Amino acid sequence: MSAIGKADLIITIGYDIAEYAPEFWNQSKNKTIIDIDFSPAEVYEYYQPKVEIISDISGAIWALNIEAEKNR
């Protein structure tokens, strides 16, 4: 089983569902997904993000890193 198969949280960054279809890695439709992209997520049966961060990608990652450092 792959790391994606074992994960319960998936963070996608600039993800395009055409590159690696979610039905391959979320067959049970039970993964918690956080989507970070500059445009809204393409939501469908196997890809339903709990959180969408629609922003400049590098800025969003930078902000997440700052918050993670605060909680160390």
PDB file of N, CA and C in Angstrom:
ATOM      1  N   MET A   1       0.853  -1.185   0.000  1.00  0.00           N
ATOM      2  CA  MET A   1       0.000   0.000   0.000  1.00  0.00           C
ATOM      3  C   MET A   1       0.893   1.240   0.000  1.00  0.00           C
ATOM      4  N   SER A   2       0.504   2.241  -0.770  1.00  0.00           N
ATOM      5  CA  SER A   2       1.290   3.462  -0.883  1.00  0.00           C
ATOM      6  C   SER A   2       1.037   4.392   0.308  1.00  0.00           C
ATOM      7  N   ALA A   3       1.872   5.421   0.418  1.00  0.00           N
ATOM      8  CA  ALA A   3       1.686   6.422   1.475  1.00  0.00           C
ATOM      9  C   ALA A   3       0.338   7.115   1.323  1.00  0.00           C
ATOM     10  N   ILE A   4      -0.063   7.389   0.089  1.00  0.00           N
ATOM     11  CA  ILE A   4      -1.372   8.021  -0.135  1.00  0.00           C
ATOM     12  C   ILE A   4      -2.480   7.087   0.327  1.00  0.00           C
ATOM     13  N   GLY A   5      -2.325   5.808   0.085  1.00  0.00           N
ATOM     14  CA  GLY A   5      -3.333   4.837   0.511  1.00  0.00           C
ATOM     15  C   GLY A   5      -3.485   4.772   2.016  1.00  0.00           C
ATOM     16  N   LYS A   6      -2.401   4.994   2.747  1.00  0.00           N
ATOM     17  CA  LYS A   6      -2.438   4.946   4.213  1.00  0.00           C
ATOM     18  C   LYS A   6      -2.862   6.259   4.849  1.00  0.00           C
ATOM     19  N   ALA A   7      -2.768   7.347   4.093  1.00  0.00           N
ATOM     20  CA  ALA A   7      -3.044   8.678   4.648  1.00  0.00           C
ATOM     21  C   ALA A   7      -4.531   8.903   4.876  1.00  0.00           C
ATOM     22  N   ASP A   8      -4.851   9.649   5.943  1.00  0.00           N
ATOM     23  CA  ASP A   8      -6.236  10.063   6.140  1.00  0.00           C
ATOM     24  C   ASP A   8      -6.426  11.536   5.792  1.00  0.00           C
ATOM     25  N   LEU A   9      -5.319  12.275   5.618  1.00  0.00           N
ATOM     26  CA  LEU A   9      -5.359  13.673   5.200  1.00  0.00           C
ATOM     27  C   LEU A   9      -4.487  13.835   3.967  1.00  0.00           C
ATOM     28  N   ILE A  10      -5.048  14.450   2.938  1.00  0.00           N
ATOM     29  CA  ILE A  10      -4.317  14.727   1.708  1.00  0.00           C
ATOM     30  C   ILE A  10      -4.344  16.239   1.492  1.00  0.00           C
ATOM     31  N   ILE A  11      -3.179  16.838   1.313  1.00  0.00           N
ATOM     32  CA  ILE A  11      -3.086  18.259   0.978  1.00  0.00           C
ATOM     33  C   ILE A  11      -2.620  18.337  -0.466  1.00  0.00           C
ATOM     34  N   THR A  12      -3.479  18.880  -1.322  1.00  0.00           N
ATOM     35  CA  THR A  12      -3.121  19.021  -2.723  1.00  0.00           C
ATOM     36  C   THR A  12      -2.732  20.472  -2.984  1.00  0.00           C
ATOM     37  N   ILE A  13      -1.677  20.644  -3.757  1.00  0.00           N
ATOM     38  CA  ILE A  13      -1.159  21.975  -4.062  1.00  0.00           C
ATOM     39  C   ILE A  13      -1.055  22.101  -5.570  1.00  0.00           C
ATOM     40  N   GLY A  14      -1.880  22.992  -6.144  1.00  0.00           N
ATOM     41  CA  GLY A  14      -1.888  23.166  -7.591  1.00  0.00           C
ATOM     42  C   GLY A  14      -2.284  21.893  -8.319  1.00  0.00           C
ATOM     43  N   TYR A  15      -3.167  21.128  -7.728  1.00  0.00           N
ATOM     44  CA  TYR A  15      -3.534  19.803  -8.236  1.00  0.00           C
ATOM     45  C   TYR A  15      -4.527  19.887  -9.388  1.00  0.00           C
ATOM     46  N   ASP A  16      -4.282  19.119 -10.426  1.00  0.00           N
ATOM     47  CA  ASP A  16      -5.196  18.975 -11.555  1.00  0.00           C
ATOM     48  C   ASP A  16      -5.634  17.517 -11.591  1.00  0.00           C
ATOM     49  N   ILE A  17      -6.932  17.266 -11.436  1.00  0.00           N
ATOM     50  CA  ILE A  17      -7.413  15.882 -11.347  1.00  0.00           C
ATOM     51  C   ILE A  17      -7.093  15.061 -12.589  1.00  0.00           C
ATOM     52  N   ALA A  18      -6.810  15.713 -13.705  1.00  0.00           N
ATOM     53  CA  ALA A  18      -6.462  14.977 -14.930  1.00  0.00           C
ATOM     54  C   ALA A  18      -5.071  14.352 -14.833  1.00  0.00           C
ATOM     55  N   GLU A  19      -4.215  14.886 -13.963  1.00  0.00           N
ATOM     56  CA  GLU A  19      -2.851  14.368 -13.833  1.00  0.00           C
ATOM     57  C   GLU A  19      -2.784  13.038 -13.094  1.00  0.00           C
ATOM     58  N   TYR A  20      -3.580  12.890 -12.060  1.00  0.00           N
ATOM     59  CA  TYR A  20      -3.627  11.636 -11.294  1.00  0.00           C
ATOM     60  C   TYR A  20      -5.031  11.548 -10.693  1.00  0.00           C
ATOM     61  N   ALA A  21      -5.898  10.855 -11.363  1.00  0.00           N
ATOM     62  CA  ALA A  21      -7.317  10.823 -11.019  1.00  0.00           C
ATOM     63  C   ALA A  21      -7.548  10.380  -9.580  1.00  0.00           C
ATOM     64  N   PRO A  22      -8.391  11.109  -8.844  1.00  0.00           N
ATOM     65  CA  PRO A  22      -8.653  10.778  -7.437  1.00  0.00           C
ATOM     66  C   PRO A  22      -9.272   9.402  -7.216  1.00  0.00           C
ATOM     67  N   GLU A  23      -9.958   8.856  -8.228  1.00  0.00           N
ATOM     68  CA  GLU A  23     -10.533   7.524  -8.003  1.00  0.00           C
ATOM     69  C   GLU A  23      -9.458   6.458  -7.805  1.00  0.00           C
ATOM     70  N   PHE A  24      -8.209   6.761  -8.170  1.00  0.00           N
ATOM     71  CA  PHE A  24      -7.106   5.830  -7.924  1.00  0.00           C
ATOM     72  C   PHE A  24      -6.624   5.892  -6.482  1.00  0.00           C
ATOM     73  N   TRP A  25      -6.682   7.083  -5.861  1.00  0.00           N
ATOM     74  CA  TRP A  25      -6.155   7.223  -4.505  1.00  0.00           C
ATOM     75  C   TRP A  25      -7.222   7.514  -3.449  1.00  0.00           C
ATOM     76  N   ASN A  26      -8.465   7.694  -3.855  1.00  0.00           N
ATOM     77  CA  ASN A  26      -9.553   7.937  -2.906  1.00  0.00           C
ATOM     78  C   ASN A  26     -10.773   7.079  -3.266  1.00  0.00           C
ATOM     79  N   GLN A  27     -10.518   5.811  -3.504  1.00  0.00           N
ATOM     80  CA  GLN A  27     -11.585   4.899  -3.922  1.00  0.00           C
ATOM     81  C   GLN A  27     -12.714   4.813  -2.905  1.00  0.00           C
ATOM     82  N   SER A  28     -12.382   4.869  -1.637  1.00  0.00           N
ATOM     83  CA  SER A  28     -13.400   4.779  -0.585  1.00  0.00           C
ATOM     84  C   SER A  28     -14.085   6.125  -0.318  1.00  0.00           C
ATOM     85  N   LYS A  29     -13.563   7.169  -0.930  1.00  0.00           N
ATOM     86  CA  LYS A  29     -14.110   8.523  -0.762  1.00  0.00           C
ATOM     87  C   LYS A  29     -14.089   8.969   0.693  1.00  0.00           C
ATOM     88  N   ASN A  30     -13.073   8.532   1.442  1.00  0.00           N
ATOM     89  CA  ASN A  30     -13.013   8.824   2.872  1.00  0.00           C
ATOM     90  C   ASN A  30     -11.825   9.703   3.276  1.00  0.00           C
ATOM     91  N   LYS A  31     -11.056  10.180   2.323  1.00  0.00           N
ATOM     92  CA  LYS A  31      -9.900  11.020   2.640  1.00  0.00           C
ATOM     93  C   LYS A  31     -10.358  12.447   2.935  1.00  0.00           C
ATOM     94  N   THR A  32      -9.752  13.050   3.941  1.00  0.00           N
ATOM     95  CA  THR A  32      -9.950  14.471   4.185  1.00  0.00           C
ATOM     96  C   THR A  32      -8.984  15.199   3.262  1.00  0.00           C
ATOM     97  N   ILE A  33      -9.503  16.129   2.456  1.00  0.00           N
ATOM     98  CA  ILE A  33      -8.696  16.797   1.443  1.00  0.00           C
ATOM     99  C   ILE A  33      -8.663  18.298   1.713  1.00  0.00           C
ATOM    100  N   ILE A  34      -7.462  18.856   1.686  1.00  0.00           N
ATOM    101  CA  ILE A  34      -7.256  20.304   1.710  1.00  0.00           C
ATOM    102  C   ILE A  34      -6.669  20.663   0.358  1.00  0.00           C
ATOM    103  N   ASP A  35      -7.333  21.559  -0.357  1.00  0.00           N
ATOM    104  CA  ASP A  35      -6.926  21.958  -1.698  1.00  0.00           C
ATOM    105  C   ASP A  35      -6.351  23.374  -1.664  1.00  0.00           C
ATOM    106  N   ILE A  36      -5.114  23.528  -2.125  1.00  0.00           N
ATOM    107  CA  ILE A  36      -4.480  24.842  -2.232  1.00  0.00           C
ATOM    108  C   ILE A  36      -4.210  25.097  -3.705  1.00  0.00           C
ATOM    109  N   ASP A  37      -4.824  26.161  -4.236  1.00  0.00           N
ATOM    110  CA  ASP A  37      -4.654  26.470  -5.654  1.00  0.00           C
ATOM    111  C   ASP A  37      -5.047  27.921  -5.902  1.00  0.00           C
ATOM    112  N   PHE A  38      -4.685  28.426  -7.060  1.00  0.00           N
ATOM    113  CA  PHE A  38      -5.038  29.795  -7.421  1.00  0.00           C
ATOM    114  C   PHE A  38      -6.439  29.885  -8.018  1.00  0.00           C
ATOM    115  N   SER A  39      -7.085  28.740  -8.234  1.00  0.00           N
ATOM    116  CA  SER A  39      -8.456  28.724  -8.746  1.00  0.00           C
ATOM    117  C   SER A  39      -9.268  27.691  -7.955  1.00  0.00           C
ATOM    118  N   PRO A  40     -10.597  27.813  -7.962  1.00  0.00           N
ATOM    119  CA  PRO A  40     -11.439  26.859  -7.217  1.00  0.00           C
ATOM    120  C   PRO A  40     -11.223  25.412  -7.672  1.00  0.00           C
ATOM    121  N   ALA A  41     -11.383  24.503  -6.738  1.00  0.00           N
ATOM    122  CA  ALA A  41     -11.197  23.075  -7.013  1.00  0.00           C
ATOM    123  C   ALA A  41     -12.277  22.552  -7.947  1.00  0.00           C
ATOM    124  N   GLU A  42     -11.898  21.572  -8.731  1.00  0.00           N
ATOM    125  CA  GLU A  42     -12.840  20.849  -9.576  1.00  0.00           C
ATOM    126  C   GLU A  42     -13.407  19.715  -8.713  1.00  0.00           C
ATOM    127  N   VAL A  43     -14.553  19.951  -8.127  1.00  0.00           N
ATOM    128  CA  VAL A  43     -15.143  19.029  -7.161  1.00  0.00           C
ATOM    129  C   VAL A  43     -16.025  18.004  -7.881  1.00  0.00           C
ATOM    130  N   TYR A  44     -15.870  16.758  -7.489  1.00  0.00           N
ATOM    131  CA  TYR A  44     -16.757  15.704  -7.976  1.00  0.00           C
ATOM    132  C   TYR A  44     -16.704  14.524  -7.022  1.00  0.00           C
ATOM    133  N   GLU A  45     -17.302  13.436  -7.373  1.00  0.00           N
ATOM    134  CA  GLU A  45     -17.529  12.308  -6.468  1.00  0.00           C
ATOM    135  C   GLU A  45     -16.308  11.899  -5.638  1.00  0.00           C
ATOM    136  N   TYR A  46     -15.141  11.775  -6.236  1.00  0.00           N
ATOM    137  CA  TYR A  46     -13.945  11.290  -5.532  1.00  0.00           C
ATOM    138  C   TYR A  46     -13.045  12.414  -5.020  1.00  0.00           C
ATOM    139  N   TYR A  47     -13.394  13.649  -5.333  1.00  0.00           N
ATOM    140  CA  TYR A  47     -12.550  14.783  -4.927  1.00  0.00           C
ATOM    141  C   TYR A  47     -13.439  15.883  -4.365  1.00  0.00           C
ATOM    142  N   GLN A  48     -13.599  15.857  -3.033  1.00  0.00           N
ATOM    143  CA  GLN A  48     -14.429  16.840  -2.348  1.00  0.00           C
ATOM    144  C   GLN A  48     -13.636  17.422  -1.180  1.00  0.00           C
ATOM    145  N   PRO A  49     -12.905  18.508  -1.447  1.00  0.00           N
ATOM    146  CA  PRO A  49     -12.091  19.110  -0.389  1.00  0.00           C
ATOM    147  C   PRO A  49     -12.926  19.592   0.797  1.00  0.00           C
ATOM    148  N   LYS A  50     -12.421  19.346   2.001  1.00  0.00           N
ATOM    149  CA  LYS A  50     -13.026  19.897   3.220  1.00  0.00           C
ATOM    150  C   LYS A  50     -12.682  21.373   3.331  1.00  0.00           C
ATOM    151  N   VAL A  51     -11.467  21.725   2.872  1.00  0.00           N
ATOM    152  CA  VAL A  51     -10.989  23.101   2.923  1.00  0.00           C
ATOM    153  C   VAL A  51     -10.396  23.439   1.565  1.00  0.00           C
ATOM    154  N   GLU A  52     -10.754  24.629   1.067  1.00  0.00           N
ATOM    155  CA  GLU A  52     -10.151  25.142  -0.161  1.00  0.00           C
ATOM    156  C   GLU A  52      -9.460  26.452   0.171  1.00  0.00           C
ATOM    157  N   ILE A  53      -8.199  26.550  -0.173  1.00  0.00           N
ATOM    158  CA  ILE A  53      -7.465  27.804  -0.032  1.00  0.00           C
ATOM    159  C   ILE A  53      -7.211  28.297  -1.444  1.00  0.00           C
ATOM    160  N   ILE A  54      -7.974  29.316  -1.837  1.00  0.00           N
ATOM    161  CA  ILE A  54      -7.852  29.877  -3.175  1.00  0.00           C
ATOM    162  C   ILE A  54      -7.020  31.139  -3.037  1.00  0.00           C
ATOM    163  N   SER A  55      -5.777  31.050  -3.516  1.00  0.00           N
ATOM    164  CA  SER A  55      -4.815  32.103  -3.240  1.00  0.00           C
ATOM    165  C   SER A  55      -3.596  31.921  -4.126  1.00  0.00           C
ATOM    166  N   ASP A  56      -2.705  32.873  -4.050  1.00  0.00           N
ATOM    167  CA  ASP A  56      -1.380  32.682  -4.601  1.00  0.00           C
ATOM    168  C   ASP A  56      -0.775  31.486  -3.859  1.00  0.00           C
ATOM    169  N   ILE A  57      -0.342  30.494  -4.577  1.00  0.00           N
ATOM    170  CA  ILE A  57       0.100  29.248  -3.946  1.00  0.00           C
ATOM    171  C   ILE A  57       1.296  29.474  -3.025  1.00  0.00           C
ATOM    172  N   SER A  58       2.306  30.184  -3.491  1.00  0.00           N
ATOM    173  CA  SER A  58       3.491  30.390  -2.647  1.00  0.00           C
ATOM    174  C   SER A  58       3.138  31.196  -1.396  1.00  0.00           C
ATOM    175  N   GLY A  59       2.244  32.172  -1.528  1.00  0.00           N
ATOM    176  CA  GLY A  59       1.812  32.946  -0.370  1.00  0.00           C
ATOM    177  C   GLY A  59       1.061  32.092   0.635  1.00  0.00           C
ATOM    178  N   ALA A  60       0.223  31.195   0.151  1.00  0.00           N
ATOM    179  CA  ALA A  60      -0.535  30.312   1.041  1.00  0.00           C
ATOM    180  C   ALA A  60       0.402  29.365   1.798  1.00  0.00           C
ATOM    181  N   ILE A  61       1.369  28.816   1.103  1.00  0.00           N
ATOM    182  CA  ILE A  61       2.327  27.908   1.758  1.00  0.00           C
ATOM    183  C   ILE A  61       3.168  28.667   2.772  1.00  0.00           C
ATOM    184  N   TRP A  62       3.563  29.869   2.426  1.00  0.00           N
ATOM    185  CA  TRP A  62       4.343  30.707   3.344  1.00  0.00           C
ATOM    186  C   TRP A  62       3.538  30.967   4.620  1.00  0.00           C
ATOM    187  N   ALA A  63       2.265  31.335   4.474  1.00  0.00           N
ATOM    188  CA  ALA A  63       1.415  31.605   5.633  1.00  0.00           C
ATOM    189  C   ALA A  63       1.221  30.355   6.485  1.00  0.00           C
ATOM    190  N   LEU A  64       1.030  29.202   5.849  1.00  0.00           N
ATOM    191  CA  LEU A  64       0.898  27.946   6.598  1.00  0.00           C
ATOM    192  C   LEU A  64       2.173  27.634   7.373  1.00  0.00           C
ATOM    193  N   ASN A  65       3.317  27.898   6.757  1.00  0.00           N
ATOM    194  CA  ASN A  65       4.593  27.663   7.432  1.00  0.00           C
ATOM    195  C   ASN A  65       4.740  28.554   8.670  1.00  0.00           C
ATOM    196  N   ILE A  66       4.360  29.811   8.546  1.00  0.00           N
ATOM    197  CA  ILE A  66       4.421  30.724   9.700  1.00  0.00           C
ATOM    198  C   ILE A  66       3.537  30.218  10.832  1.00  0.00           C
ATOM    199  N   GLU A  67       2.325  29.782  10.499  1.00  0.00           N
ATOM    200  CA  GLU A  67       1.417  29.259  11.526  1.00  0.00           C
ATOM    201  C   GLU A  67       1.956  27.974  12.162  1.00  0.00           C
ATOM    202  N   ALA A  68       2.559  27.129  11.341  1.00  0.00           N
ATOM    203  CA  ALA A  68       3.136  25.882  11.873  1.00  0.00           C
ATOM    204  C   ALA A  68       4.270  26.188  12.843  1.00  0.00           C
ATOM    205  N   GLU A  69       5.087  27.173  12.510  1.00  0.00           N
ATOM    206  CA  GLU A  69       6.195  27.558  13.393  1.00  0.00           C
ATOM    207  C   GLU A  69       5.685  28.089  14.738  1.00  0.00           C
ATOM    208  N   LYS A  70       4.584  28.813  14.721  1.00  0.00           N
ATOM    209  CA  LYS A  70       3.995  29.339  15.961  1.00  0.00           C
ATOM    210  C   LYS A  70       3.535  28.208  16.866  1.00  0.00           C
ATOM    211  N   ASN A  71       3.128  27.106  16.285  1.00  0.00           N
ATOM    212  CA  ASN A  71       2.562  25.992  17.056  1.00  0.00           C
ATOM    213  C   ASN A  71       3.563  24.902  17.365  1.00  0.00           C
ATOM    214  N   ARG A  72       4.822  25.165  17.186  1.00  0.00           N
ATOM    215  CA  ARG A  72       5.856  24.179  17.494  1.00  0.00           C
ATOM    216  C   ARG A  72       6.023  23.957  18.934  1.00  0.00           C
TER     217      ARG A  72
END
